Amino acid sequence: MIEIPGFTVTEADPATAAVSLLVIAEELGYVRPSDEWVDGTGEPLPDDMQDAAHRLVEAGLLPEFEEAIRG
């Protein structure tokens, strides 16, 4: 089991949106004008991943995006 503030991942639940985002974090992008998260190709992420990305930033797990979503 992996425990991260606000998130718990068990072996039975490895494919949650938050875990998927952490896996692609190096390719993750954020477009401030549209408040939209995108993948490495610039395509918008599905709604569940959009929500998860915001939660991950709020939990401090994507610090490189903290300034972008607040500014």
Protein backbone atom coordinates (compact mmCIF):
# COMPACT_ATOMS: atom_id res chain seq x y z
CA MET A 1 0.00 0.00 0.00
CA ILE A 2 1.20 3.52 -0.80
CA GLU A 3 0.03 6.34 1.45
CA ILE A 4 0.23 9.94 0.26
CA PRO A 5 -1.55 12.79 2.08
CA GLY A 6 -5.09 12.72 0.74
CA PHE A 7 -4.57 9.50 -1.26
CA THR A 8 -4.23 5.81 -0.45
CA VAL A 9 -3.34 3.34 -3.18
CA THR A 10 -3.72 -0.38 -2.57
CA GLU A 11 -2.85 -3.32 -4.80
CA ALA A 12 -6.55 -3.66 -5.57
CA ASP A 13 -6.73 -0.07 -6.83
CA PRO A 14 -3.60 0.68 -8.89
CA ALA A 15 -5.24 2.49 -11.81
CA THR A 16 -6.85 5.45 -10.11
CA ALA A 17 -6.68 8.80 -11.88
CA ALA A 18 -4.25 10.16 -9.29
CA VAL A 19 -1.83 7.27 -9.71
CA SER A 20 -2.05 7.56 -13.49
CA LEU A 21 -1.16 11.24 -13.20
CA LEU A 22 1.82 10.57 -10.99
CA VAL A 23 3.08 8.08 -13.57
CA ILE A 24 2.89 10.66 -16.39
CA ALA A 25 3.88 13.65 -14.24
CA GLU A 26 6.92 14.41 -16.41
CA GLU A 27 4.65 14.80 -19.44
CA LEU A 28 1.84 16.59 -17.63
CA GLY A 29 1.03 20.13 -18.64
CA TYR A 30 -1.32 22.84 -17.44
CA VAL A 31 -2.97 25.53 -19.59
CA ARG A 32 -3.85 28.44 -17.31
CA PRO A 33 -6.23 30.38 -19.63
CA SER A 34 -8.54 27.39 -19.95
CA ASP A 35 -7.77 25.87 -16.51
CA GLU A 36 -7.04 22.60 -18.25
CA TRP A 37 -4.57 19.77 -17.72
CA VAL A 38 -3.02 18.25 -20.83
CA ASP A 39 -0.85 15.25 -21.64
CA GLY A 40 2.51 15.27 -23.39
CA THR A 41 0.85 15.78 -26.78
CA GLY A 42 -1.21 18.77 -25.63
CA GLU A 43 -4.47 16.81 -25.55
CA PRO A 44 -6.79 17.59 -22.60
CA LEU A 45 -6.98 14.88 -19.95
CA PRO A 46 -10.32 13.22 -19.09
CA ASP A 47 -12.46 14.89 -16.41
CA ASP A 48 -11.51 12.44 -13.65
CA MET A 49 -7.83 13.13 -14.29
CA GLN A 50 -8.46 16.90 -14.42
CA ASP A 51 -9.96 16.69 -10.92
CA ALA A 52 -7.22 14.39 -9.66
CA ALA A 53 -4.50 16.73 -10.93
CA HIS A 54 -5.97 19.62 -8.95
CA ARG A 55 -6.15 17.41 -5.83
CA LEU A 56 -2.53 16.34 -6.29
CA VAL A 57 -1.39 19.96 -6.51
CA GLU A 58 -3.39 20.85 -3.40
CA ALA A 59 -1.73 17.91 -1.59
CA GLY A 60 1.71 19.23 -2.60
CA LEU A 61 2.52 16.30 -4.87
CA LEU A 62 2.96 18.34 -8.04
CA PRO A 63 4.86 21.34 -6.68
CA GLU A 64 6.01 22.42 -10.13
CA PHE A 65 2.40 23.38 -10.91
CA GLU A 66 1.47 25.14 -7.65
CA GLU A 67 2.30 28.62 -8.95
CA ALA A 68 0.64 28.00 -12.31
CA ILE A 69 -2.79 27.11 -10.94
CA ARG A 70 -2.80 29.86 -8.33
CA GLY A 71 -1.57 32.64 -10.55
